[in-house]
Amino acid sequence: MKWIMVLGITICMILIALFEWPKMSRNQKKEKAAFVTITAMGWLLAILLLFFPDMPGPTQLIDKLFKPLGQIIEK
């Protein structure tokens, strides 16, 4: 069942790319590279969250990094 969802996510990303790509002119090479990069990262994150829904978020990473520093400052 999850593979059907992967296919759905992939189709959505392809449709977004097909809709947005013609709007960019030929000279916008950096914008196109950024668009491809952000779209690919979004696709990868959606797939990862589909298979690992309990994956920790960025705020949990920041909390683990700065919690010891906060304890030192409180003393």
PDB file of N, CA and C in Angstrom:
ATOM      1  N   MET A   1       0.818  -1.195   0.000  1.00  0.00           N
ATOM      2  CA  MET A   1       0.000   0.000   0.000  1.00  0.00           C
ATOM      3  C   MET A   1       0.867   1.266   0.000  1.00  0.00           C
ATOM      4  N   LYS A   2       1.996   1.206   0.686  1.00  0.00           N
ATOM      5  CA  LYS A   2       2.860   2.387   0.728  1.00  0.00           C
ATOM      6  C   LYS A   2       3.470   2.682  -0.639  1.00  0.00           C
ATOM      7  N   TRP A   3       3.656   1.645  -1.448  1.00  0.00           N
ATOM      8  CA  TRP A   3       4.248   1.874  -2.768  1.00  0.00           C
ATOM      9  C   TRP A   3       3.283   2.626  -3.677  1.00  0.00           C
ATOM     10  N   ILE A   4       1.993   2.456  -3.451  1.00  0.00           N
ATOM     11  CA  ILE A   4       1.008   3.241  -4.204  1.00  0.00           C
ATOM     12  C   ILE A   4       1.107   4.705  -3.801  1.00  0.00           C
ATOM     13  N   MET A   5       1.335   4.942  -2.509  1.00  0.00           N
ATOM     14  CA  MET A   5       1.508   6.320  -2.035  1.00  0.00           C
ATOM     15  C   MET A   5       2.789   6.933  -2.599  1.00  0.00           C
ATOM     16  N   VAL A   6       3.849   6.121  -2.689  1.00  0.00           N
ATOM     17  CA  VAL A   6       5.099   6.605  -3.293  1.00  0.00           C
ATOM     18  C   VAL A   6       4.842   7.007  -4.737  1.00  0.00           C
ATOM     19  N   LEU A   7       4.093   6.193  -5.449  1.00  0.00           N
ATOM     20  CA  LEU A   7       3.760   6.516  -6.836  1.00  0.00           C
ATOM     21  C   LEU A   7       2.939   7.802  -6.904  1.00  0.00           C
ATOM     22  N   GLY A   8       1.994   7.976  -5.982  1.00  0.00           N
ATOM     23  CA  GLY A   8       1.192   9.197  -5.949  1.00  0.00           C
ATOM     24  C   GLY A   8       2.029  10.434  -5.669  1.00  0.00           C
ATOM     25  N   ILE A   9       2.948  10.328  -4.725  1.00  0.00           N
ATOM     26  CA  ILE A   9       3.835  11.453  -4.407  1.00  0.00           C
ATOM     27  C   ILE A   9       4.705  11.790  -5.617  1.00  0.00           C
ATOM     28  N   THR A  10       5.216  10.750  -6.275  1.00  0.00           N
ATOM     29  CA  THR A  10       6.060  10.960  -7.445  1.00  0.00           C
ATOM     30  C   THR A  10       5.280  11.624  -8.572  1.00  0.00           C
ATOM     31  N   ILE A  11       4.054  11.188  -8.786  1.00  0.00           N
ATOM     32  CA  ILE A  11       3.231  11.797  -9.832  1.00  0.00           C
ATOM     33  C   ILE A  11       2.946  13.255  -9.515  1.00  0.00           C
ATOM     34  N   CYS A  12       2.673  13.560  -8.241  1.00  0.00           N
ATOM     35  CA  CYS A  12       2.444  14.956  -7.844  1.00  0.00           C
ATOM     36  C   CYS A  12       3.674  15.821  -8.104  1.00  0.00           C
ATOM     37  N   MET A  13       4.845  15.306  -7.769  1.00  0.00           N
ATOM     38  CA  MET A  13       6.075  16.070  -7.998  1.00  0.00           C
ATOM     39  C   MET A  13       6.324  16.276  -9.494  1.00  0.00           C
ATOM     40  N   ILE A  14       6.047  15.268 -10.280  1.00  0.00           N
ATOM     41  CA  ILE A  14       6.219  15.396 -11.735  1.00  0.00           C
ATOM     42  C   ILE A  14       5.252  16.431 -12.293  1.00  0.00           C
ATOM     43  N   LEU A  15       4.008  16.415 -11.825  1.00  0.00           N
ATOM     44  CA  LEU A  15       3.035  17.406 -12.295  1.00  0.00           C
ATOM     45  C   LEU A  15       3.435  18.821 -11.895  1.00  0.00           C
ATOM     46  N   ILE A  16       3.951  18.974 -10.690  1.00  0.00           N
ATOM     47  CA  ILE A  16       4.432  20.294 -10.257  1.00  0.00           C
ATOM     48  C   ILE A  16       5.571  20.753 -11.160  1.00  0.00           C
ATOM     49  N   ALA A  17       6.508  19.848 -11.444  1.00  0.00           N
ATOM     50  CA  ALA A  17       7.642  20.208 -12.304  1.00  0.00           C
ATOM     51  C   ALA A  17       7.179  20.547 -13.716  1.00  0.00           C
ATOM     52  N   LEU A  18       6.252  19.761 -14.254  1.00  0.00           N
ATOM     53  CA  LEU A  18       5.754  20.034 -15.608  1.00  0.00           C
ATOM     54  C   LEU A  18       4.986  21.346 -15.676  1.00  0.00           C
ATOM     55  N   PHE A  19       4.342  21.741 -14.589  1.00  0.00           N
ATOM     56  CA  PHE A  19       3.606  22.993 -14.559  1.00  0.00           C
ATOM     57  C   PHE A  19       4.533  24.199 -14.410  1.00  0.00           C
ATOM     58  N   GLU A  20       5.566  24.067 -13.589  1.00  0.00           N
ATOM     59  CA  GLU A  20       6.428  25.211 -13.283  1.00  0.00           C
ATOM     60  C   GLU A  20       7.595  25.392 -14.258  1.00  0.00           C
ATOM     61  N   TRP A  21       8.096  24.314 -14.821  1.00  0.00           N
ATOM     62  CA  TRP A  21       9.301  24.383 -15.664  1.00  0.00           C
ATOM     63  C   TRP A  21       9.138  25.314 -16.865  1.00  0.00           C
ATOM     64  N   PRO A  22       8.021  25.253 -17.605  1.00  0.00           N
ATOM     65  CA  PRO A  22       7.900  26.154 -18.767  1.00  0.00           C
ATOM     66  C   PRO A  22       7.832  27.627 -18.393  1.00  0.00           C
ATOM     67  N   LYS A  23       7.507  27.940 -17.158  1.00  0.00           N
ATOM     68  CA  LYS A  23       7.419  29.341 -16.744  1.00  0.00           C
ATOM     69  C   LYS A  23       8.795  29.977 -16.569  1.00  0.00           C
ATOM     70  N   MET A  24       9.828  29.155 -16.470  1.00  0.00           N
ATOM     71  CA  MET A  24      11.186  29.675 -16.300  1.00  0.00           C
ATOM     72  C   MET A  24      11.832  29.831 -17.679  1.00  0.00           C
ATOM     73  N   SER A  25      12.519  30.951 -17.856  1.00  0.00           N
ATOM     74  CA  SER A  25      13.160  31.168 -19.154  1.00  0.00           C
ATOM     75  C   SER A  25      14.458  30.365 -19.255  1.00  0.00           C
ATOM     76  N   ARG A  26      15.001  30.316 -20.437  1.00  0.00           N
ATOM     77  CA  ARG A  26      16.215  29.524 -20.678  1.00  0.00           C
ATOM     78  C   ARG A  26      17.433  30.066 -19.934  1.00  0.00           C
ATOM     79  N   ASN A  27      17.452  31.363 -19.668  1.00  0.00           N
ATOM     80  CA  ASN A  27      18.627  31.970 -19.021  1.00  0.00           C
ATOM     81  C   ASN A  27      18.662  31.705 -17.521  1.00  0.00           C
ATOM     82  N   GLN A  28      17.606  31.228 -16.940  1.00  0.00           N
ATOM     83  CA  GLN A  28      17.532  31.053 -15.486  1.00  0.00           C
ATOM     84  C   GLN A  28      18.096  29.689 -15.073  1.00  0.00           C
ATOM     85  N   LYS A  29      19.373  29.512 -15.283  1.00  0.00           N
ATOM     86  CA  LYS A  29      20.001  28.227 -14.972  1.00  0.00           C
ATOM     87  C   LYS A  29      20.090  27.990 -13.464  1.00  0.00           C
ATOM     88  N   LYS A  30      20.436  29.013 -12.702  1.00  0.00           N
ATOM     89  CA  LYS A  30      20.535  28.861 -11.250  1.00  0.00           C
ATOM     90  C   LYS A  30      19.165  28.611 -10.633  1.00  0.00           C
ATOM     91  N   GLU A  31      18.147  29.304 -11.145  1.00  0.00           N
ATOM     92  CA  GLU A  31      16.798  29.105 -10.630  1.00  0.00           C
ATOM     93  C   GLU A  31      16.302  27.694 -10.934  1.00  0.00           C
ATOM     94  N   LYS A  32      16.624  27.194 -12.112  1.00  0.00           N
ATOM     95  CA  LYS A  32      16.226  25.832 -12.473  1.00  0.00           C
ATOM     96  C   LYS A  32      16.945  24.807 -11.605  1.00  0.00           C
ATOM     97  N   ALA A  33      18.215  25.044 -11.332  1.00  0.00           N
ATOM     98  CA  ALA A  33      18.972  24.130 -10.471  1.00  0.00           C
ATOM     99  C   ALA A  33      18.395  24.149  -9.052  1.00  0.00           C
ATOM    100  N   ALA A  34      18.050  25.327  -8.563  1.00  0.00           N
ATOM    101  CA  ALA A  34      17.453  25.435  -7.231  1.00  0.00           C
ATOM    102  C   ALA A  34      16.086  24.748  -7.199  1.00  0.00           C
ATOM    103  N   PHE A  35      15.314  24.917  -8.250  1.00  0.00           N
ATOM    104  CA  PHE A  35      13.995  24.282  -8.328  1.00  0.00           C
ATOM    105  C   PHE A  35      14.110  22.762  -8.298  1.00  0.00           C
ATOM    106  N   VAL A  36      15.035  22.227  -9.080  1.00  0.00           N
ATOM    107  CA  VAL A  36      15.231  20.772  -9.106  1.00  0.00           C
ATOM    108  C   VAL A  36      15.701  20.277  -7.747  1.00  0.00           C
ATOM    109  N   THR A  37      16.626  20.988  -7.133  1.00  0.00           N
ATOM    110  CA  THR A  37      17.155  20.591  -5.831  1.00  0.00           C
ATOM    111  C   THR A  37      16.070  20.596  -4.757  1.00  0.00           C
ATOM    112  N   ILE A  38      15.311  21.674  -4.687  1.00  0.00           N
ATOM    113  CA  ILE A  38      14.267  21.777  -3.664  1.00  0.00           C
ATOM    114  C   ILE A  38      13.161  20.756  -3.904  1.00  0.00           C
ATOM    115  N   THR A  39      12.807  20.541  -5.162  1.00  0.00           N
ATOM    116  CA  THR A  39      11.780  19.545  -5.474  1.00  0.00           C
ATOM    117  C   THR A  39      12.247  18.144  -5.108  1.00  0.00           C
ATOM    118  N   ALA A  40      13.497  17.825  -5.415  1.00  0.00           N
ATOM    119  CA  ALA A  40      14.035  16.503  -5.082  1.00  0.00           C
ATOM    120  C   ALA A  40      14.113  16.306  -3.569  1.00  0.00           C
ATOM    121  N   MET A  41      14.525  17.342  -2.852  1.00  0.00           N
ATOM    122  CA  MET A  41      14.585  17.236  -1.395  1.00  0.00           C
ATOM    123  C   MET A  41      13.194  17.071  -0.796  1.00  0.00           C
ATOM    124  N   GLY A  42      12.209  17.767  -1.335  1.00  0.00           N
ATOM    125  CA  GLY A  42      10.840  17.621  -0.877  1.00  0.00           C
ATOM    126  C   GLY A  42      10.301  16.224  -1.142  1.00  0.00           C
ATOM    127  N   TRP A  43      10.618  15.681  -2.315  1.00  0.00           N
ATOM    128  CA  TRP A  43      10.200  14.322  -2.647  1.00  0.00           C
ATOM    129  C   TRP A  43      10.837  13.318  -1.688  1.00  0.00           C
ATOM    130  N   LEU A  44      12.135  13.475  -1.439  1.00  0.00           N
ATOM    131  CA  LEU A  44      12.840  12.568  -0.543  1.00  0.00           C
ATOM    132  C   LEU A  44      12.287  12.648   0.876  1.00  0.00           C
ATOM    133  N   LEU A  45      12.024  13.845   1.359  1.00  0.00           N
ATOM    134  CA  LEU A  45      11.468  14.011   2.697  1.00  0.00           C
ATOM    135  C   LEU A  45      10.072  13.390   2.795  1.00  0.00           C
ATOM    136  N   ALA A  46       9.257  13.559   1.761  1.00  0.00           N
ATOM    137  CA  ALA A  46       7.921  12.965   1.769  1.00  0.00           C
ATOM    138  C   ALA A  46       7.998  11.440   1.809  1.00  0.00           C
ATOM    139  N   ILE A  47       8.925  10.857   1.059  1.00  0.00           N
ATOM    140  CA  ILE A  47       9.084   9.400   1.046  1.00  0.00           C
ATOM    141  C   ILE A  47       9.603   8.916   2.401  1.00  0.00           C
ATOM    142  N   LEU A  48      10.575   9.622   2.969  1.00  0.00           N
ATOM    143  CA  LEU A  48      11.102   9.231   4.279  1.00  0.00           C
ATOM    144  C   LEU A  48      10.024   9.300   5.360  1.00  0.00           C
ATOM    145  N   LEU A  49       9.214  10.345   5.329  1.00  0.00           N
ATOM    146  CA  LEU A  49       8.146  10.469   6.316  1.00  0.00           C
ATOM    147  C   LEU A  49       7.058   9.424   6.108  1.00  0.00           C
ATOM    148  N   LEU A  50       6.909   8.959   4.893  1.00  0.00           N
ATOM    149  CA  LEU A  50       5.935   7.904   4.626  1.00  0.00           C
ATOM    150  C   LEU A  50       6.373   6.583   5.246  1.00  0.00           C
ATOM    151  N   PHE A  51       7.654   6.256   5.107  1.00  0.00           N
ATOM    152  CA  PHE A  51       8.152   4.987   5.618  1.00  0.00           C
ATOM    153  C   PHE A  51       8.560   5.049   7.091  1.00  0.00           C
ATOM    154  N   PHE A  52       8.977   6.218   7.563  1.00  0.00           N
ATOM    155  CA  PHE A  52       9.397   6.395   8.955  1.00  0.00           C
ATOM    156  C   PHE A  52       8.639   7.571   9.571  1.00  0.00           C
ATOM    157  N   PRO A  53       7.363   7.396   9.915  1.00  0.00           N
ATOM    158  CA  PRO A  53       6.577   8.535  10.412  1.00  0.00           C
ATOM    159  C   PRO A  53       7.028   9.055  11.776  1.00  0.00           C
ATOM    160  N   ASP A  54       7.749   8.258  12.548  1.00  0.00           N
ATOM    161  CA  ASP A  54       8.214   8.700  13.868  1.00  0.00           C
ATOM    162  C   ASP A  54       9.616   9.298  13.820  1.00  0.00           C
ATOM    163  N   MET A  55      10.055   9.686  12.654  1.00  0.00           N
ATOM    164  CA  MET A  55      11.382  10.258  12.477  1.00  0.00           C
ATOM    165  C   MET A  55      11.462  11.590  13.248  1.00  0.00           C
ATOM    166  N   PRO A  56      12.563  11.814  13.974  1.00  0.00           N
ATOM    167  CA  PRO A  56      12.673  13.061  14.735  1.00  0.00           C
ATOM    168  C   PRO A  56      12.776  14.275  13.817  1.00  0.00           C
ATOM    169  N   GLY A  57      12.224  15.371  14.280  1.00  0.00           N
ATOM    170  CA  GLY A  57      12.234  16.599  13.499  1.00  0.00           C
ATOM    171  C   GLY A  57      13.437  17.466  13.830  1.00  0.00           C
ATOM    172  N   PRO A  58      13.567  18.571  13.133  1.00  0.00           N
ATOM    173  CA  PRO A  58      14.724  19.454  13.353  1.00  0.00           C
ATOM    174  C   PRO A  58      14.727  20.100  14.741  1.00  0.00           C
ATOM    175  N   THR A  59      13.559  20.325  15.325  1.00  0.00           N
ATOM    176  CA  THR A  59      13.543  20.936  16.651  1.00  0.00           C
ATOM    177  C   THR A  59      14.082  19.985  17.711  1.00  0.00           C
ATOM    178  N   GLN A  60      13.884  18.687  17.520  1.00  0.00           N
ATOM    179  CA  GLN A  60      14.437  17.721  18.462  1.00  0.00           C
ATOM    180  C   GLN A  60      15.959  17.684  18.364  1.00  0.00           C
ATOM    181  N   LEU A  61      16.503  17.862  17.181  1.00  0.00           N
ATOM    182  CA  LEU A  61      17.960  17.925  17.006  1.00  0.00           C
ATOM    183  C   LEU A  61      18.530  19.153  17.713  1.00  0.00           C
ATOM    184  N   ILE A  62      17.881  20.289  17.529  1.00  0.00           N
ATOM    185  CA  ILE A  62      18.345  21.520  18.177  1.00  0.00           C
ATOM    186  C   ILE A  62      18.249  21.390  19.694  1.00  0.00           C
ATOM    187  N   ASP A  63      17.183  20.762  20.170  1.00  0.00           N
ATOM    188  CA  ASP A  63      17.015  20.551  21.618  1.00  0.00           C
ATOM    189  C   ASP A  63      18.147  19.692  22.175  1.00  0.00           C
ATOM    190  N   LYS A  64      18.512  18.630  21.468  1.00  0.00           N
ATOM    191  CA  LYS A  64      19.603  17.775  21.938  1.00  0.00           C
ATOM    192  C   LYS A  64      20.947  18.495  21.908  1.00  0.00           C
ATOM    193  N   LEU A  65      21.132  19.381  20.951  1.00  0.00           N
ATOM    194  CA  LEU A  65      22.400  20.108  20.865  1.00  0.00           C
ATOM    195  C   LEU A  65      22.535  21.173  21.951  1.00  0.00           C
ATOM    196  N   PHE A  66      21.459  21.898  22.225  1.00  0.00           N
ATOM    197  CA  PHE A  66      21.560  23.049  23.110  1.00  0.00           C
ATOM    198  C   PHE A  66      21.070  22.799  24.530  1.00  0.00           C
ATOM    199  N   LYS A  67      20.509  21.652  24.817  1.00  0.00           N
ATOM    200  CA  LYS A  67      20.043  21.366  26.175  1.00  0.00           C
ATOM    201  C   LYS A  67      21.202  21.379  27.181  1.00  0.00           C
ATOM    202  N   PRO A  68      22.345  20.743  26.869  1.00  0.00           N
ATOM    203  CA  PRO A  68      23.470  20.829  27.817  1.00  0.00           C
ATOM    204  C   PRO A  68      23.954  22.264  28.021  1.00  0.00           C
ATOM    205  N   LEU A  69      23.941  23.051  26.975  1.00  0.00           N
ATOM    206  CA  LEU A  69      24.373  24.440  27.093  1.00  0.00           C
ATOM    207  C   LEU A  69      23.407  25.210  27.998  1.00  0.00           C
ATOM    208  N   GLY A  70      22.130  24.951  27.874  1.00  0.00           N
ATOM    209  CA  GLY A  70      21.137  25.605  28.723  1.00  0.00           C
ATOM    210  C   GLY A  70      21.303  25.230  30.188  1.00  0.00           C
ATOM    211  N   GLN A  71      21.658  23.965  30.442  1.00  0.00           N
ATOM    212  CA  GLN A  71      21.874  23.541  31.821  1.00  0.00           C
ATOM    213  C   GLN A  71      23.111  24.201  32.411  1.00  0.00           C
ATOM    214  N   ILE A  72      24.126  24.398  31.604  1.00  0.00           N
ATOM    215  CA  ILE A  72      25.350  25.078  32.081  1.00  0.00           C
ATOM    216  C   ILE A  72      25.045  26.539  32.397  1.00  0.00           C
ATOM    217  N   ILE A  73      24.270  27.181  31.561  1.00  0.00           N
ATOM    218  CA  ILE A  73      23.944  28.612  31.755  1.00  0.00           C
ATOM    219  C   ILE A  73      23.081  28.791  32.989  1.00  0.00           C
ATOM    220  N   GLU A  74      22.178  27.856  33.279  1.00  0.00           N
ATOM    221  CA  GLU A  74      21.292  27.989  34.440  1.00  0.00           C
ATOM    222  C   GLU A  74      22.060  27.928  35.756  1.00  0.00           C
ATOM    223  N   LYS A  75      23.186  27.262  35.791  1.00  0.00           N
ATOM    224  CA  LYS A  75      23.955  27.128  37.041  1.00  0.00           C
ATOM    225  C   LYS A  75      24.767  28.335  37.309  1.00  0.00           C
TER     226      LYS A  75
END
